């Protein structure tokens, strides 16, 4: 038996599996300039860094919020992931003074990556309530908070 909070916490860790699979399958298609390999939009390292920060915050918030608040928070997670990824990528390129270069050379990859992250993120988030409902119907969920 599990509680809804425990389920949401476990679900918050699920994207790490997807990122691990992506890391195993990652084959960069082009040589990157020196120092760009972990900042480039297809970087799995950047994704792991961003999601680790987001997952830690989610873990804490799941313990603090009422269940209705957790459900709303779950639907914001893909947007937060994308926003944090952009902040990291653009922040690092600002420090290097190469925002214009990053944007002009990789606009297509950045926008494609944005679309993929949102599609996959909302696909996963859409499965979370379905899985929770299936666990509830199977009797594996307690009503304790």
Protein backbone atom coordinates (compact mmCIF):
# COMPACT_ATOMS: atom_id res chain seq x y z
CA UNK A 1 0.00 0.00 0.00
CA UNK A 2 1.20 3.47 -0.82
CA UNK A 3 -0.01 7.00 -0.24
CA UNK A 4 -0.70 9.57 -2.95
CA UNK A 5 2.31 11.61 -1.78
CA UNK A 6 4.61 8.58 -1.99
CA UNK A 7 3.29 7.88 -5.49
CA UNK A 8 3.89 11.48 -6.62
CA UNK A 9 7.41 11.36 -5.19
CA UNK A 10 8.13 8.14 -7.07
CA UNK A 11 6.65 9.66 -10.23
CA UNK A 12 8.93 12.70 -9.81
CA UNK A 13 11.93 10.36 -10.05
CA UNK A 14 10.65 8.68 -13.24
CA UNK A 15 12.15 11.20 -15.70
CA UNK A 16 15.62 10.21 -14.51
CA UNK A 17 15.02 6.87 -16.27
CA UNK A 18 14.25 8.68 -19.52
CA UNK A 19 17.31 10.88 -19.17
CA UNK A 20 19.48 7.81 -18.49
CA UNK A 21 18.16 6.13 -21.64
CA UNK A 22 18.78 9.32 -23.62
CA UNK A 23 22.34 9.46 -22.25
CA UNK A 24 22.95 5.87 -23.35
CA UNK A 25 21.62 6.57 -26.86
CA UNK A 26 23.17 10.03 -27.28
CA UNK A 27 25.40 10.33 -30.33
CA UNK A 28 26.22 13.97 -31.10
CA UNK A 29 25.85 14.61 -34.81
CA UNK A 30 28.46 17.33 -35.08
CA UNK A 31 31.68 18.46 -33.45
CA UNK A 32 31.11 21.28 -31.02
CA UNK A 33 33.43 24.19 -30.26
CA UNK A 34 35.70 23.82 -27.24
CA UNK A 35 33.74 24.17 -24.01
CA UNK A 36 30.26 23.86 -25.57
CA UNK A 37 29.76 20.11 -25.26
CA UNK A 38 27.83 20.25 -21.98
CA UNK A 39 25.90 23.46 -22.76
CA UNK A 40 24.70 22.58 -26.26
CA UNK A 41 20.93 22.04 -26.51
CA UNK A 42 21.22 18.27 -26.94
CA UNK A 43 23.33 17.95 -23.80
CA UNK A 44 22.17 15.18 -21.50
CA UNK A 45 24.42 16.51 -18.74
CA UNK A 46 22.57 19.83 -18.77
CA UNK A 47 19.24 18.00 -18.68
CA UNK A 48 20.33 15.90 -15.73
CA UNK A 49 21.57 18.95 -13.84
CA UNK A 50 18.33 20.83 -14.45
CA UNK A 51 16.08 17.90 -13.60
CA UNK A 52 18.06 17.04 -10.45
CA UNK A 53 17.41 20.56 -9.18
CA UNK A 54 13.75 20.39 -10.19
CA UNK A 55 13.25 16.90 -8.68
CA UNK A 56 14.75 18.01 -5.35
CA UNK A 57 12.39 20.98 -5.27
CA UNK A 58 9.42 18.77 -6.24
CA UNK A 59 10.28 16.29 -3.50
CA UNK A 60 10.09 19.06 -0.90
CA UNK A 61 6.94 20.62 -2.36
CA UNK A 62 5.13 17.27 -2.50
CA UNK A 63 5.62 17.02 1.25
CA UNK A 64 4.34 20.55 1.86
CA UNK A 65 1.38 21.03 -0.46
CA UNK A 66 -2.15 19.63 -0.27
CA UNK A 67 -2.95 16.98 -2.89
CA UNK A 68 -4.80 19.45 -5.14
CA UNK A 69 -1.71 21.69 -5.09
CA UNK A 70 0.50 18.74 -5.99
CA UNK A 71 -1.66 17.95 -9.02
CA UNK A 72 -1.34 21.55 -10.26
CA UNK A 73 2.41 21.50 -9.61
CA UNK A 74 2.82 18.30 -11.62
CA UNK A 75 1.26 19.97 -14.67
CA UNK A 76 3.73 22.88 -14.38
CA UNK A 77 6.79 20.62 -14.21
CA UNK A 78 7.50 20.36 -17.98
CA UNK A 79 7.38 24.15 -18.31
CA UNK A 80 9.67 24.57 -15.30
CA UNK A 81 12.10 22.03 -16.75
CA UNK A 82 12.27 23.88 -20.07
CA UNK A 83 12.59 27.28 -18.36
CA UNK A 84 15.42 26.10 -16.09
CA UNK A 85 17.18 24.50 -19.06
CA UNK A 86 16.99 27.74 -21.01
CA UNK A 87 18.23 29.74 -18.04
CA UNK A 88 21.23 27.49 -17.62
CA UNK A 89 22.04 27.41 -21.33
CA UNK A 90 21.59 31.15 -21.84
CA UNK A 91 23.26 32.05 -18.55
CA UNK A 92 26.38 30.10 -19.45
CA UNK A 93 26.45 31.52 -22.96
CA UNK A 94 26.04 35.04 -21.52
CA UNK A 95 29.07 34.47 -19.31
CA UNK A 96 31.00 33.40 -22.39
CA UNK A 97 29.60 36.32 -24.41
CA UNK A 98 28.30 33.99 -27.11
CA UNK A 99 24.51 34.21 -26.90
CA UNK A 100 24.22 35.49 -30.46
CA UNK A 101 26.43 32.70 -31.78
CA UNK A 102 24.50 30.05 -29.88
CA UNK A 103 21.16 31.34 -31.12
CA UNK A 104 22.14 31.88 -34.78
CA UNK A 105 23.94 28.56 -35.15
CA UNK A 106 21.57 26.35 -33.16
CA UNK A 107 18.10 27.93 -33.34
CA UNK A 108 16.55 24.93 -35.06
CA UNK A 109 18.02 22.47 -32.56
CA UNK A 110 16.96 24.62 -29.61
CA UNK A 111 13.36 24.92 -30.83
CA UNK A 112 13.13 21.24 -31.76
CA UNK A 113 14.49 20.31 -28.34
CA UNK A 114 11.93 22.61 -26.71
CA UNK A 115 9.08 20.89 -28.58
CA UNK A 116 10.38 17.42 -27.72
CA UNK A 117 10.81 18.26 -24.03
CA UNK A 118 7.28 19.67 -23.80
CA UNK A 119 5.71 16.77 -25.73
CA UNK A 120 7.50 14.09 -23.72
CA UNK A 121 7.02 15.98 -20.44
CA UNK A 122 3.28 16.43 -20.91
CA UNK A 123 2.96 12.87 -22.18
CA UNK A 124 4.53 11.63 -18.95
CA UNK A 125 2.55 14.03 -16.77
CA UNK A 126 -0.64 12.84 -18.50
CA UNK A 127 0.17 9.25 -17.51
CA UNK A 128 0.67 10.10 -13.83
CA UNK A 129 -3.04 10.53 -12.92
CA UNK A 130 -3.92 7.45 -14.99
CA UNK A 131 -1.39 5.36 -13.07
CA UNK A 132 -2.56 6.80 -9.76
CA UNK A 133 -6.17 5.93 -10.64
CA UNK A 134 -5.18 2.38 -11.60
CA UNK A 135 -3.35 1.91 -8.31
CA UNK A 136 -6.36 3.32 -6.44
CA UNK A 137 -8.76 0.97 -8.27
CA UNK A 138 -6.49 -1.98 -7.57
CA UNK A 139 -6.64 -1.24 -3.86
CA UNK A 140 -2.96 -0.36 -3.59
CA UNK A 141 -3.52 3.20 -2.44
CA UNK A 142 -4.31 4.38 1.05
CA UNK A 143 -6.18 7.60 1.63
CA UNK A 144 -3.64 8.84 4.15
CA UNK A 145 -2.02 12.10 2.99
